[in-house]
Amino acid sequence: MGLVFLGPPGSGKGTISKIISNEFKYQHISTGDLFRENILNSTTLGEEIKKIVERGELVPDLITIKIVEDKIKSIKNNKDFILDGFPRNICQAKALDKFLPNVKIINFLIDEELVIKRLSGRRICKSCNNIFNIYTLATKNIGICDVCGGDLYQREDDKEESLKTRLKEYKLQTKPLIEFYSKCSRLNNIDASVKIDEMRKQIIKIMLKKIKWKRYSK
């Protein structure tokens, strides 16, 4: 079974994806991770993605679709996976529907102010990439990783002004997508402002539901 997680950055999609993946042996496919992997490896797409992300903009559809489709094709039988952060608009949704029509869509609902607080407080270790948060998961020593002692840093796209730009663009692009999936009776909303375990329970309930949706009309 395939699951698609929709929601703004900071809604908890990444964290809950890892929990569900570990518990049910699902493959977790995060567009953010795929982007960072390409950036880290200094691929041609990675260099382009890096510039786009640092401006606080969303990566173009053609690049995103290509990276995600290639990743899904690499998974045996294309089964039991979570798509985190894709699709973000109708163009991507229709592309997904062509090669993976039977997936469950889960939408993470959360207040914008809470998203900004969560992400502006995020700090990442330069050495081991462990993630902390000055509000919810502070380290023992300010700016120092609890795991390896490396220096922590704040990503450019986690700064408040960049976050506001990202959230504005996210809303503009995903509002039609939400309406699209609602009309097809494919949208399952969950409350993402609650604790992780509560989110997990909501998602498992949706996973157990039978698929009863309509294909979109071209």
N, C-alpha and C. Protein backbone atom coordinates (compact mmCIF):
# COMPACT_ATOMS: atom_id res chain seq x y z
N MET A 1 0.84 -1.20 0.00
CA MET A 1 0.00 0.00 0.00
C MET A 1 0.87 1.25 0.00
N GLY A 2 0.44 2.24 -0.74
CA GLY A 2 1.16 3.50 -0.78
C GLY A 2 0.41 4.58 -0.01
N LEU A 3 1.15 5.37 0.75
CA LEU A 3 0.58 6.49 1.48
C LEU A 3 1.23 7.78 0.99
N VAL A 4 0.42 8.82 0.85
CA VAL A 4 0.95 10.14 0.49
C VAL A 4 0.68 11.08 1.64
N PHE A 5 1.72 11.69 2.20
CA PHE A 5 1.58 12.64 3.30
C PHE A 5 1.68 14.06 2.75
N LEU A 6 0.62 14.83 2.94
CA LEU A 6 0.60 16.23 2.54
C LEU A 6 0.59 17.11 3.78
N GLY A 7 1.28 18.24 3.70
CA GLY A 7 1.30 19.16 4.83
C GLY A 7 2.47 20.10 4.72
N PRO A 8 2.39 21.26 5.37
CA PRO A 8 3.47 22.24 5.29
C PRO A 8 4.72 21.75 6.01
N PRO A 9 5.88 22.34 5.73
CA PRO A 9 7.08 21.99 6.49
C PRO A 9 6.83 22.26 7.97
N GLY A 10 7.28 21.36 8.83
CA GLY A 10 7.07 21.55 10.26
C GLY A 10 5.80 20.92 10.78
N SER A 11 5.05 20.23 9.92
CA SER A 11 3.79 19.63 10.35
C SER A 11 4.00 18.26 10.98
N GLY A 12 5.23 17.75 10.93
CA GLY A 12 5.51 16.46 11.54
C GLY A 12 5.52 15.30 10.56
N LYS A 13 5.41 15.60 9.28
CA LYS A 13 5.37 14.54 8.27
C LYS A 13 6.61 13.65 8.31
N GLY A 14 7.77 14.28 8.39
CA GLY A 14 9.02 13.52 8.39
C GLY A 14 9.15 12.60 9.58
N THR A 15 8.84 13.13 10.76
CA THR A 15 8.96 12.34 12.00
C THR A 15 8.01 11.16 12.00
N ILE A 16 6.74 11.41 11.67
CA ILE A 16 5.75 10.33 11.71
C ILE A 16 5.99 9.34 10.58
N SER A 17 6.57 9.81 9.47
CA SER A 17 6.90 8.90 8.36
C SER A 17 7.89 7.85 8.82
N LYS A 18 8.91 8.29 9.57
CA LYS A 18 9.93 7.36 10.05
C LYS A 18 9.34 6.36 11.05
N ILE A 19 8.42 6.84 11.88
CA ILE A 19 7.78 5.96 12.86
C ILE A 19 6.95 4.89 12.17
N ILE A 20 6.10 5.31 11.23
CA ILE A 20 5.25 4.37 10.50
C ILE A 20 6.10 3.41 9.66
N SER A 21 7.15 3.95 9.05
CA SER A 21 8.03 3.12 8.22
C SER A 21 8.70 2.02 9.03
N ASN A 22 9.19 2.38 10.21
CA ASN A 22 9.85 1.39 11.07
C ASN A 22 8.87 0.36 11.60
N GLU A 23 7.68 0.82 11.96
CA GLU A 23 6.69 -0.07 12.56
C GLU A 23 6.09 -1.05 11.56
N PHE A 24 5.83 -0.56 10.34
CA PHE A 24 5.16 -1.39 9.34
C PHE A 24 6.06 -1.78 8.16
N LYS A 25 7.36 -1.49 8.28
CA LYS A 25 8.34 -1.85 7.25
C LYS A 25 8.03 -1.19 5.90
N TYR A 26 7.64 0.07 5.96
CA TYR A 26 7.37 0.84 4.74
C TYR A 26 8.66 1.54 4.30
N GLN A 27 8.77 1.77 3.00
CA GLN A 27 9.87 2.57 2.46
C GLN A 27 9.48 4.04 2.57
N HIS A 28 10.28 4.85 3.23
CA HIS A 28 9.99 6.28 3.38
C HIS A 28 10.67 7.07 2.27
N ILE A 29 9.86 7.71 1.43
CA ILE A 29 10.40 8.51 0.34
C ILE A 29 10.07 9.97 0.61
N SER A 30 11.07 10.73 1.00
CA SER A 30 10.90 12.15 1.31
C SER A 30 11.53 12.99 0.20
N THR A 31 10.74 13.89 -0.37
CA THR A 31 11.30 14.76 -1.41
C THR A 31 12.43 15.60 -0.82
N GLY A 32 12.27 16.00 0.44
CA GLY A 32 13.32 16.78 1.10
C GLY A 32 14.62 16.00 1.18
N ASP A 33 14.52 14.71 1.56
CA ASP A 33 15.71 13.86 1.65
C ASP A 33 16.33 13.64 0.27
N LEU A 34 15.48 13.45 -0.73
CA LEU A 34 15.98 13.25 -2.10
C LEU A 34 16.70 14.50 -2.59
N PHE A 35 16.13 15.67 -2.26
CA PHE A 35 16.78 16.92 -2.65
C PHE A 35 18.14 17.06 -1.97
N ARG A 36 18.16 16.80 -0.64
CA ARG A 36 19.40 16.94 0.12
C ARG A 36 20.46 15.93 -0.35
N GLU A 37 20.02 14.74 -0.73
CA GLU A 37 20.94 13.73 -1.24
C GLU A 37 21.62 14.21 -2.52
N ASN A 38 20.82 14.82 -3.40
CA ASN A 38 21.37 15.35 -4.65
C ASN A 38 22.30 16.54 -4.39
N ILE A 39 21.91 17.37 -3.41
CA ILE A 39 22.75 18.52 -3.07
C ILE A 39 24.08 18.05 -2.48
N LEU A 40 24.00 17.07 -1.57
CA LEU A 40 25.20 16.54 -0.92
C LEU A 40 26.16 15.91 -1.94
N ASN A 41 25.59 15.25 -2.94
CA ASN A 41 26.40 14.59 -3.96
C ASN A 41 26.81 15.54 -5.09
N SER A 42 26.39 16.80 -4.96
CA SER A 42 26.74 17.83 -5.95
C SER A 42 26.37 17.43 -7.38
N THR A 43 25.19 16.80 -7.52
CA THR A 43 24.72 16.47 -8.86
C THR A 43 24.29 17.76 -9.56
N THR A 44 24.08 17.67 -10.87
CA THR A 44 23.63 18.84 -11.62
C THR A 44 22.31 19.35 -11.07
N LEU A 45 21.39 18.42 -10.82
CA LEU A 45 20.10 18.80 -10.25
C LEU A 45 20.28 19.32 -8.83
N GLY A 46 21.21 18.72 -8.10
CA GLY A 46 21.47 19.14 -6.73
C GLY A 46 21.92 20.57 -6.63
N GLU A 47 22.80 21.01 -7.54
CA GLU A 47 23.28 22.39 -7.54
C GLU A 47 22.13 23.35 -7.82
N GLU A 48 21.25 22.95 -8.73
CA GLU A 48 20.10 23.80 -9.07
C GLU A 48 19.12 23.87 -7.91
N ILE A 49 18.88 22.71 -7.29
CA ILE A 49 17.96 22.65 -6.15
C ILE A 49 18.48 23.51 -4.99
N LYS A 50 19.78 23.47 -4.74
CA LYS A 50 20.37 24.23 -3.64
C LYS A 50 20.08 25.72 -3.77
N LYS A 51 20.25 26.26 -4.96
CA LYS A 51 20.00 27.69 -5.18
C LYS A 51 18.53 28.03 -4.97
N ILE A 52 17.65 27.15 -5.43
CA ILE A 52 16.20 27.38 -5.31
C ILE A 52 15.78 27.37 -3.84
N VAL A 53 16.25 26.37 -3.09
CA VAL A 53 15.89 26.22 -1.67
C VAL A 53 16.39 27.40 -0.84
N GLU A 54 17.61 27.86 -1.12
CA GLU A 54 18.18 28.98 -0.36
C GLU A 54 17.40 30.28 -0.59
N ARG A 55 16.70 30.37 -1.71
CA ARG A 55 15.85 31.53 -1.97
C ARG A 55 14.48 31.38 -1.30
N GLY A 56 14.25 30.22 -0.69
CA GLY A 56 12.97 29.97 -0.03
C GLY A 56 11.86 29.63 -1.00
N GLU A 57 12.22 29.18 -2.20
CA GLU A 57 11.23 28.84 -3.22
C GLU A 57 11.04 27.33 -3.29
N LEU A 58 9.96 26.91 -3.97
CA LEU A 58 9.71 25.49 -4.16
C LEU A 58 10.40 24.99 -5.42
N VAL A 59 10.87 23.76 -5.38
CA VAL A 59 11.55 23.16 -6.53
C VAL A 59 10.54 22.93 -7.65
N PRO A 60 10.88 23.27 -8.91
CA PRO A 60 9.96 23.12 -10.05
C PRO A 60 9.45 21.69 -10.23
N ASP A 61 8.26 21.58 -10.82
CA ASP A 61 7.60 20.28 -10.99
C ASP A 61 8.44 19.26 -11.75
N LEU A 62 9.01 19.65 -12.88
CA LEU A 62 9.74 18.70 -13.71
C LEU A 62 10.88 18.03 -12.95
N ILE A 63 11.59 18.81 -12.15
CA ILE A 63 12.70 18.27 -11.36
C ILE A 63 12.17 17.33 -10.28
N THR A 64 11.14 17.78 -9.58
CA THR A 64 10.58 16.99 -8.48
C THR A 64 10.00 15.67 -8.98
N ILE A 65 9.20 15.73 -10.03
CA ILE A 65 8.57 14.52 -10.58
C ILE A 65 9.63 13.51 -11.02
N LYS A 66 10.65 13.99 -11.69
CA LYS A 66 11.72 13.12 -12.17
C LYS A 66 12.42 12.40 -11.02
N ILE A 67 12.77 13.15 -9.99
CA ILE A 67 13.49 12.57 -8.85
C ILE A 67 12.63 11.54 -8.11
N VAL A 68 11.34 11.88 -7.90
CA VAL A 68 10.44 10.98 -7.17
C VAL A 68 10.14 9.72 -7.98
N GLU A 69 9.83 9.89 -9.26
CA GLU A 69 9.50 8.74 -10.10
C GLU A 69 10.67 7.76 -10.19
N ASP A 70 11.88 8.28 -10.33
CA ASP A 70 13.07 7.42 -10.39
C ASP A 70 13.24 6.63 -9.10
N LYS A 71 12.97 7.30 -7.97
CA LYS A 71 13.11 6.63 -6.68
C LYS A 71 12.08 5.52 -6.52
N ILE A 72 10.83 5.80 -6.89
CA ILE A 72 9.76 4.80 -6.75
C ILE A 72 10.04 3.59 -7.64
N LYS A 73 10.53 3.84 -8.84
CA LYS A 73 10.83 2.74 -9.77
C LYS A 73 11.94 1.84 -9.24
N SER A 74 12.76 2.39 -8.35
CA SER A 74 13.87 1.59 -7.79
C SER A 74 13.40 0.67 -6.67
N ILE A 75 12.15 0.86 -6.21
CA ILE A 75 11.60 0.02 -5.14
C ILE A 75 10.92 -1.20 -5.75
N LYS A 76 11.26 -2.37 -5.28
CA LYS A 76 10.70 -3.60 -5.82
C LYS A 76 9.19 -3.64 -5.67
N ASN A 77 8.48 -3.85 -6.76
CA ASN A 77 7.02 -3.96 -6.82
C ASN A 77 6.28 -2.68 -6.45
N ASN A 78 7.03 -1.58 -6.20
CA ASN A 78 6.41 -0.29 -5.87
C ASN A 78 5.40 -0.40 -4.73
N LYS A 79 5.63 -1.26 -3.75
CA LYS A 79 4.63 -1.45 -2.71
C LYS A 79 5.14 -1.03 -1.34
N ASP A 80 4.18 -0.73 -0.45
CA ASP A 80 4.47 -0.39 0.94
C ASP A 80 5.48 0.74 1.07
N PHE A 81 5.04 1.93 0.75
CA PHE A 81 5.92 3.10 0.84
C PHE A 81 5.11 4.31 1.30
N ILE A 82 5.83 5.30 1.80
CA ILE A 82 5.24 6.58 2.18
C ILE A 82 5.89 7.67 1.34
N LEU A 83 5.07 8.47 0.69
CA LEU A 83 5.56 9.64 -0.05
C LEU A 83 5.36 10.86 0.84
N ASP A 84 6.44 11.50 1.20
CA ASP A 84 6.41 12.64 2.12
C ASP A 84 6.80 13.91 1.35
N GLY A 85 5.82 14.81 1.15
CA GLY A 85 6.11 16.06 0.47
C GLY A 85 5.84 16.04 -1.03
N PHE A 86 5.19 15.00 -1.51
CA PHE A 86 4.85 14.89 -2.93
C PHE A 86 3.54 14.12 -3.05
N PRO A 87 2.60 14.61 -3.89
CA PRO A 87 2.65 15.80 -4.75
C PRO A 87 2.34 17.08 -3.99
N ARG A 88 2.71 18.23 -4.59
CA ARG A 88 2.42 19.53 -3.98
C ARG A 88 1.43 20.34 -4.79
N ASN A 89 1.10 19.89 -5.98
CA ASN A 89 0.13 20.60 -6.82
C ASN A 89 -0.54 19.61 -7.75
N ILE A 90 -1.52 20.09 -8.51
CA ILE A 90 -2.30 19.20 -9.37
C ILE A 90 -1.43 18.58 -10.47
N CYS A 91 -0.49 19.33 -10.99
CA CYS A 91 0.41 18.80 -12.01
C CYS A 91 1.14 17.57 -11.49
N GLN A 92 1.68 17.67 -10.28
CA GLN A 92 2.39 16.54 -9.68
C GLN A 92 1.42 15.40 -9.34
N ALA A 93 0.21 15.75 -8.90
CA ALA A 93 -0.79 14.74 -8.54
C ALA A 93 -1.18 13.90 -9.75
N LYS A 94 -1.37 14.55 -10.88
CA LYS A 94 -1.74 13.83 -12.10
C LYS A 94 -0.59 12.97 -12.60
N ALA A 95 0.64 13.48 -12.42
CA ALA A 95 1.81 12.69 -12.81
C ALA A 95 1.89 11.43 -11.94
N LEU A 96 1.63 11.60 -10.64
CA LEU A 96 1.64 10.46 -9.71
C LEU A 96 0.55 9.47 -10.06
N ASP A 97 -0.63 9.98 -10.43
CA ASP A 97 -1.77 9.12 -10.72
C ASP A 97 -1.52 8.24 -11.95
N LYS A 98 -0.62 8.67 -12.81
CA LYS A 98 -0.32 7.89 -14.02
C LYS A 98 0.47 6.62 -13.71
N PHE A 99 1.40 6.73 -12.75
CA PHE A 99 2.20 5.54 -12.45
C PHE A 99 1.88 4.90 -11.10
N LEU A 100 1.09 5.60 -10.26
CA LEU A 100 0.67 5.03 -8.98
C LEU A 100 -0.72 5.54 -8.62
N PRO A 101 -1.77 4.96 -9.20
CA PRO A 101 -3.13 5.47 -8.97
C PRO A 101 -3.74 5.14 -7.61
N ASN A 102 -3.36 4.01 -7.02
CA ASN A 102 -4.02 3.56 -5.79
C ASN A 102 -3.20 3.84 -4.53
N VAL A 103 -3.20 5.09 -4.13
CA VAL A 103 -2.52 5.49 -2.89
C VAL A 103 -3.50 6.23 -1.99
N LYS A 104 -3.25 6.20 -0.69
CA LYS A 104 -4.09 6.93 0.26
C LYS A 104 -3.47 8.28 0.56
N ILE A 105 -4.29 9.32 0.50
CA ILE A 105 -3.82 10.69 0.70
C ILE A 105 -4.13 11.14 2.12
N ILE A 106 -3.11 11.52 2.88
CA ILE A 106 -3.28 11.97 4.26
C ILE A 106 -2.78 13.41 4.37
N ASN A 107 -3.67 14.31 4.79
CA ASN A 107 -3.36 15.74 4.86
C ASN A 107 -3.17 16.17 6.32
N PHE A 108 -2.00 16.76 6.62
CA PHE A 108 -1.66 17.19 7.97
C PHE A 108 -2.11 18.65 8.18
N LEU A 109 -3.08 18.84 9.06
CA LEU A 109 -3.60 20.18 9.34
C LEU A 109 -2.90 20.77 10.56
N ILE A 110 -2.37 22.01 10.41
CA ILE A 110 -1.64 22.65 11.51
C ILE A 110 -1.63 24.16 11.33
N ASP A 111 -1.64 24.90 12.44
CA ASP A 111 -1.64 26.36 12.41
C ASP A 111 -0.27 26.89 11.97
N GLU A 112 -0.27 27.96 11.17
CA GLU A 112 0.97 28.52 10.63
C GLU A 112 1.93 28.99 11.71
N GLU A 113 1.42 29.61 12.77
CA GLU A 113 2.28 30.11 13.85
C GLU A 113 3.05 28.98 14.53
N LEU A 114 2.38 27.84 14.68
CA LEU A 114 3.03 26.68 15.30
C LEU A 114 4.13 26.13 14.38
N VAL A 115 3.87 26.15 13.08
CA VAL A 115 4.87 25.69 12.11
C VAL A 115 6.13 26.55 12.20
N ILE A 116 5.94 27.88 12.22
CA ILE A 116 7.08 28.80 12.28
C ILE A 116 7.88 28.59 13.56
N LYS A 117 7.19 28.39 14.67
CA LYS A 117 7.89 28.17 15.94
C LYS A 117 8.69 26.88 15.90
N ARG A 118 8.08 25.84 15.36
CA ARG A 118 8.76 24.54 15.29
C ARG A 118 10.03 24.62 14.44
N LEU A 119 9.92 25.22 13.25
CA LEU A 119 11.04 25.20 12.31
C LEU A 119 12.10 26.25 12.60
N SER A 120 11.69 27.41 13.10
CA SER A 120 12.69 28.44 13.39
C SER A 120 13.57 28.02 14.57
N GLY A 121 13.08 27.05 15.35
CA GLY A 121 13.86 26.56 16.49
C GLY A 121 14.70 25.34 16.15
N ARG A 122 14.59 24.86 14.92
CA ARG A 122 15.32 23.65 14.54
C ARG A 122 16.81 23.93 14.35
N ARG A 123 17.64 23.03 14.87
CA ARG A 123 19.08 23.12 14.71
C ARG A 123 19.60 21.75 14.28
N ILE A 124 20.55 21.75 13.34
CA ILE A 124 21.07 20.50 12.77
C ILE A 124 22.57 20.39 13.02
N CYS A 125 23.01 19.18 13.35
CA CYS A 125 24.44 18.97 13.59
C CYS A 125 25.20 18.93 12.26
N LYS A 126 26.29 19.69 12.18
CA LYS A 126 27.10 19.72 10.96
C LYS A 126 27.82 18.40 10.72
N SER A 127 28.05 17.64 11.79
CA SER A 127 28.82 16.41 11.67
C SER A 127 27.96 15.16 11.43
N CYS A 128 26.92 14.98 12.25
CA CYS A 128 26.14 13.74 12.16
C CYS A 128 24.71 13.93 11.65
N ASN A 129 24.32 15.20 11.41
CA ASN A 129 22.99 15.53 10.86
C ASN A 129 21.82 15.25 11.80
N ASN A 130 22.10 14.97 13.08
CA ASN A 130 21.00 14.83 14.03
C ASN A 130 20.30 16.17 14.19
N ILE A 131 18.98 16.11 14.41
CA ILE A 131 18.18 17.33 14.48
C ILE A 131 17.71 17.59 15.91
N PHE A 132 17.85 18.84 16.35
CA PHE A 132 17.40 19.26 17.68
C PHE A 132 16.49 20.47 17.52
N ASN A 133 15.92 20.94 18.62
CA ASN A 133 15.06 22.12 18.56
C ASN A 133 15.21 22.91 19.86
N ILE A 134 15.50 24.20 19.75
CA ILE A 134 15.74 25.01 20.94
C ILE A 134 14.50 25.15 21.80
N TYR A 135 13.31 24.85 21.24
CA TYR A 135 12.07 24.94 22.00
C TYR A 135 11.61 23.59 22.55
N THR A 136 11.72 22.55 21.73
CA THR A 136 11.16 21.26 22.12
C THR A 136 12.17 20.14 22.35
N LEU A 137 13.39 20.29 21.84
CA LEU A 137 14.40 19.25 22.01
C LEU A 137 15.78 19.90 22.11
N ALA A 138 15.95 20.72 23.15
CA ALA A 138 17.19 21.48 23.31
C ALA A 138 18.36 20.58 23.71
N THR A 139 19.55 20.95 23.29
CA THR A 139 20.76 20.21 23.67
C THR A 139 21.22 20.66 25.06
N LYS A 140 22.05 19.85 25.70
CA LYS A 140 22.55 20.19 27.03
C LYS A 140 23.40 21.46 27.00
N ASN A 141 24.20 21.58 25.94
CA ASN A 141 25.04 22.77 25.76
C ASN A 141 24.61 23.49 24.48
N ILE A 142 24.35 24.80 24.60
CA ILE A 142 23.87 25.58 23.46
C ILE A 142 24.81 25.47 22.26
N GLY A 143 24.24 25.10 21.13
CA GLY A 143 25.01 25.03 19.89
C GLY A 143 25.88 23.81 19.71
N ILE A 144 25.79 22.86 20.66
CA ILE A 144 26.62 21.65 20.60
C ILE A 144 25.75 20.40 20.54
N CYS A 145 26.05 19.50 19.63
CA CYS A 145 25.28 18.27 19.46
C CYS A 145 25.45 17.33 20.65
N ASP A 146 24.34 16.80 21.17
CA ASP A 146 24.38 15.86 22.29
C ASP A 146 24.94 14.50 21.88
N VAL A 147 24.87 14.19 20.60
CA VAL A 147 25.27 12.86 20.12
C VAL A 147 26.77 12.77 19.86
N CYS A 148 27.30 13.74 19.07
CA CYS A 148 28.72 13.63 18.68
C CYS A 148 29.57 14.83 19.09
N GLY A 149 28.94 15.86 19.66
CA GLY A 149 29.70 17.04 20.08
C GLY A 149 29.99 18.02 18.96
N GLY A 150 29.37 17.78 17.79
CA GLY A 150 29.58 18.67 16.65
C GLY A 150 28.84 19.99 16.81
N ASP A 151 29.16 20.95 15.95
CA ASP A 151 28.49 22.25 15.98
C ASP A 151 27.12 22.16 15.33
N LEU A 152 26.17 22.91 15.90
CA LEU A 152 24.82 22.96 15.34
C LEU A 152 24.67 24.21 14.48
N TYR A 153 23.81 24.13 13.48
CA TYR A 153 23.54 25.30 12.64
C TYR A 153 22.06 25.37 12.29
N GLN A 154 21.63 26.55 11.87
CA GLN A 154 20.26 26.75 11.42
C GLN A 154 20.25 26.86 9.90
N ARG A 155 19.44 26.05 9.25
CA ARG A 155 19.35 26.11 7.80
C ARG A 155 18.79 27.46 7.36
N GLU A 156 19.24 27.95 6.22
CA GLU A 156 18.77 29.23 5.70
C GLU A 156 17.26 29.23 5.52
N ASP A 157 16.71 28.10 5.07
CA ASP A 157 15.27 28.04 4.82
C ASP A 157 14.47 27.79 6.09
N ASP A 158 15.14 27.72 7.27
CA ASP A 158 14.44 27.61 8.55
C ASP A 158 14.35 28.97 9.26
N LYS A 159 14.92 30.00 8.66
CA LYS A 159 14.82 31.34 9.25
C LYS A 159 13.44 31.92 8.96
N GLU A 160 12.95 32.76 9.87
CA GLU A 160 11.55 33.18 9.85
C GLU A 160 11.09 33.76 8.52
N GLU A 161 11.85 34.67 7.94
CA GLU A 161 11.43 35.30 6.69
C GLU A 161 11.33 34.27 5.56
N SER A 162 12.30 33.37 5.51
CA SER A 162 12.28 32.32 4.49
C SER A 162 11.10 31.38 4.71
N LEU A 163 10.80 31.10 5.99
CA LEU A 163 9.67 30.23 6.32
C LEU A 163 8.35 30.84 5.86
N LYS A 164 8.19 32.14 6.07
CA LYS A 164 6.96 32.81 5.65
C LYS A 164 6.78 32.73 4.14
N THR A 165 7.89 32.87 3.41
CA THR A 165 7.83 32.76 1.95
C THR A 165 7.44 31.35 1.54
N ARG A 166 8.05 30.36 2.18
CA ARG A 166 7.76 28.96 1.86
C ARG A 166 6.30 28.61 2.15
N LEU A 167 5.80 29.08 3.29
CA LEU A 167 4.42 28.76 3.68
C LEU A 167 3.42 29.44 2.76
N LYS A 168 3.74 30.67 2.34
CA LYS A 168 2.85 31.39 1.42
C LYS A 168 2.76 30.65 0.09
N GLU A 169 3.91 30.24 -0.44
CA GLU A 169 3.94 29.51 -1.70
C GLU A 169 3.28 28.14 -1.56
N TYR A 170 3.49 27.51 -0.39
CA TYR A 170 2.88 26.20 -0.15
C TYR A 170 1.36 26.30 -0.22
N LYS A 171 0.80 27.31 0.44
CA LYS A 171 -0.65 27.49 0.46
C LYS A 171 -1.20 27.76 -0.94
N LEU A 172 -0.51 28.63 -1.67
CA LEU A 172 -0.96 28.97 -3.02
C LEU A 172 -0.97 27.74 -3.94
N GLN A 173 0.05 26.92 -3.82
CA GLN A 173 0.17 25.76 -4.70
C GLN A 173 -0.68 24.58 -4.27
N THR A 174 -0.85 24.40 -2.97
CA THR A 174 -1.54 23.19 -2.50
C THR A 174 -3.04 23.35 -2.28
N LYS A 175 -3.53 24.58 -2.21
CA LYS A 175 -4.98 24.76 -2.05
C LYS A 175 -5.76 24.07 -3.17
N PRO A 176 -5.38 24.27 -4.44
CA PRO A 176 -6.08 23.56 -5.52
C PRO A 176 -5.91 22.04 -5.40
N LEU A 177 -4.74 21.60 -4.91
CA LEU A 177 -4.48 20.17 -4.75
C LEU A 177 -5.42 19.56 -3.71
N ILE A 178 -5.60 20.27 -2.60
CA ILE A 178 -6.51 19.80 -1.55
C ILE A 178 -7.92 19.69 -2.10
N GLU A 179 -8.34 20.70 -2.86
CA GLU A 179 -9.68 20.69 -3.46
C GLU A 179 -9.80 19.54 -4.46
N PHE A 180 -8.74 19.31 -5.20
CA PHE A 180 -8.69 18.23 -6.20
C PHE A 180 -8.93 16.87 -5.56
N TYR A 181 -8.21 16.59 -4.48
CA TYR A 181 -8.36 15.30 -3.81
C TYR A 181 -9.68 15.20 -3.05
N SER A 182 -10.19 16.34 -2.58
CA SER A 182 -11.47 16.33 -1.88
C SER A 182 -12.60 15.94 -2.83
N LYS A 183 -12.56 16.49 -4.04
CA LYS A 183 -13.59 16.19 -5.04
C LYS A 183 -13.54 14.73 -5.46
N CYS A 184 -12.36 14.15 -5.40
CA CYS A 184 -12.20 12.73 -5.77
C CYS A 184 -12.47 11.81 -4.58
N SER A 185 -12.87 12.39 -3.45
CA SER A 185 -13.12 11.63 -2.21
C SER A 185 -11.89 10.84 -1.77
N ARG A 186 -10.71 11.46 -1.94
CA ARG A 186 -9.47 10.76 -1.60
C ARG A 186 -8.73 11.40 -0.42
N LEU A 187 -9.24 12.51 0.10
CA LEU A 187 -8.51 13.25 1.13
C LEU A 187 -8.87 12.78 2.53
N ASN A 188 -7.85 12.49 3.33
CA ASN A 188 -8.03 12.11 4.74
C ASN A 188 -7.27 13.12 5.59
N ASN A 189 -7.99 13.95 6.35
CA ASN A 189 -7.36 14.97 7.18
C ASN A 189 -7.03 14.44 8.57
N ILE A 190 -5.86 14.86 9.10
CA ILE A 190 -5.52 14.55 10.49
C ILE A 190 -5.07 15.83 11.19
N ASP A 191 -5.20 15.86 12.50
CA ASP A 191 -4.77 17.00 13.31
C ASP A 191 -3.28 16.84 13.61
N ALA A 192 -2.46 17.72 13.01
CA ALA A 192 -1.01 17.62 13.17
C ALA A 192 -0.47 18.49 14.30
N SER A 193 -1.36 19.11 15.07
CA SER A 193 -0.91 19.93 16.19
C SER A 193 -0.76 19.11 17.47
N VAL A 194 -1.21 17.86 17.42
CA VAL A 194 -1.17 17.00 18.60
C VAL A 194 0.19 16.29 18.70
N LYS A 195 0.36 15.52 19.78
CA LYS A 195 1.61 14.78 19.98
C LYS A 195 1.75 13.68 18.93
N ILE A 196 2.99 13.28 18.70
CA ILE A 196 3.30 12.31 17.66
C ILE A 196 2.50 11.01 17.80
N ASP A 197 2.35 10.50 19.01
CA ASP A 197 1.63 9.24 19.20
C ASP A 197 0.18 9.37 18.79
N GLU A 198 -0.42 10.55 19.04
CA GLU A 198 -1.81 10.77 18.63
C GLU A 198 -1.91 10.83 17.11
N MET A 199 -0.92 11.44 16.47
CA MET A 199 -0.90 11.47 15.01
C MET A 199 -0.78 10.05 14.46
N ARG A 200 0.06 9.27 15.09
CA ARG A 200 0.25 7.87 14.67
C ARG A 200 -1.08 7.11 14.70
N LYS A 201 -1.85 7.28 15.76
CA LYS A 201 -3.13 6.58 15.89
C LYS A 201 -4.10 7.00 14.79
N GLN A 202 -4.10 8.29 14.46
CA GLN A 202 -4.98 8.78 13.40
C GLN A 202 -4.61 8.15 12.05
N ILE A 203 -3.31 8.06 11.79
CA ILE A 203 -2.84 7.52 10.52
C ILE A 203 -3.13 6.02 10.40
N ILE A 204 -2.93 5.28 11.47
CA ILE A 204 -3.20 3.84 11.43
C ILE A 204 -4.68 3.58 11.15
N LYS A 205 -5.53 4.40 11.72
CA LYS A 205 -6.97 4.27 11.48
C LYS A 205 -7.28 4.45 9.99
N ILE A 206 -6.61 5.41 9.36
CA ILE A 206 -6.80 5.65 7.93
C ILE A 206 -6.24 4.49 7.11
N MET A 207 -5.11 3.95 7.53
CA MET A 207 -4.49 2.82 6.82
C MET A 207 -5.43 1.62 6.77
N LEU A 208 -6.24 1.46 7.79
CA LEU A 208 -7.14 0.30 7.88
C LEU A 208 -8.42 0.48 7.07
N LYS A 209 -8.68 1.71 6.62
CA LYS A 209 -9.88 1.98 5.84
C LYS A 209 -9.75 1.39 4.44
N LYS A 210 -10.86 0.93 3.89
CA LYS A 210 -10.86 0.44 2.52
C LYS A 210 -10.82 1.63 1.56
N ILE A 211 -10.21 1.42 0.41
CA ILE A 211 -10.11 2.48 -0.59
C ILE A 211 -11.45 2.61 -1.31
N LYS A 212 -12.07 3.81 -1.20
CA LYS A 212 -13.35 4.07 -1.86
C LYS A 212 -13.33 5.46 -2.48
N TRP A 213 -12.60 5.60 -3.55
CA TRP A 213 -12.52 6.92 -4.16
C TRP A 213 -12.77 6.86 -5.66
N LYS A 214 -12.97 8.03 -6.23
CA LYS A 214 -13.20 8.16 -7.67
C LYS A 214 -11.93 8.65 -8.34
N ARG A 215 -11.68 8.18 -9.56
CA ARG A 215 -10.58 8.72 -10.34
C ARG A 215 -10.97 10.13 -10.78
N TYR A 216 -9.98 11.01 -10.94
CA TYR A 216 -10.27 12.36 -11.36
C TYR A 216 -10.75 12.36 -12.81
N SER A 217 -11.52 13.37 -13.15
CA SER A 217 -12.02 13.52 -14.52
C SER A 217 -11.06 14.39 -15.30
N LYS A 218 -10.60 13.90 -16.44
CA LYS A 218 -9.65 14.65 -17.25
C LYS A 218 -10.36 15.79 -17.97
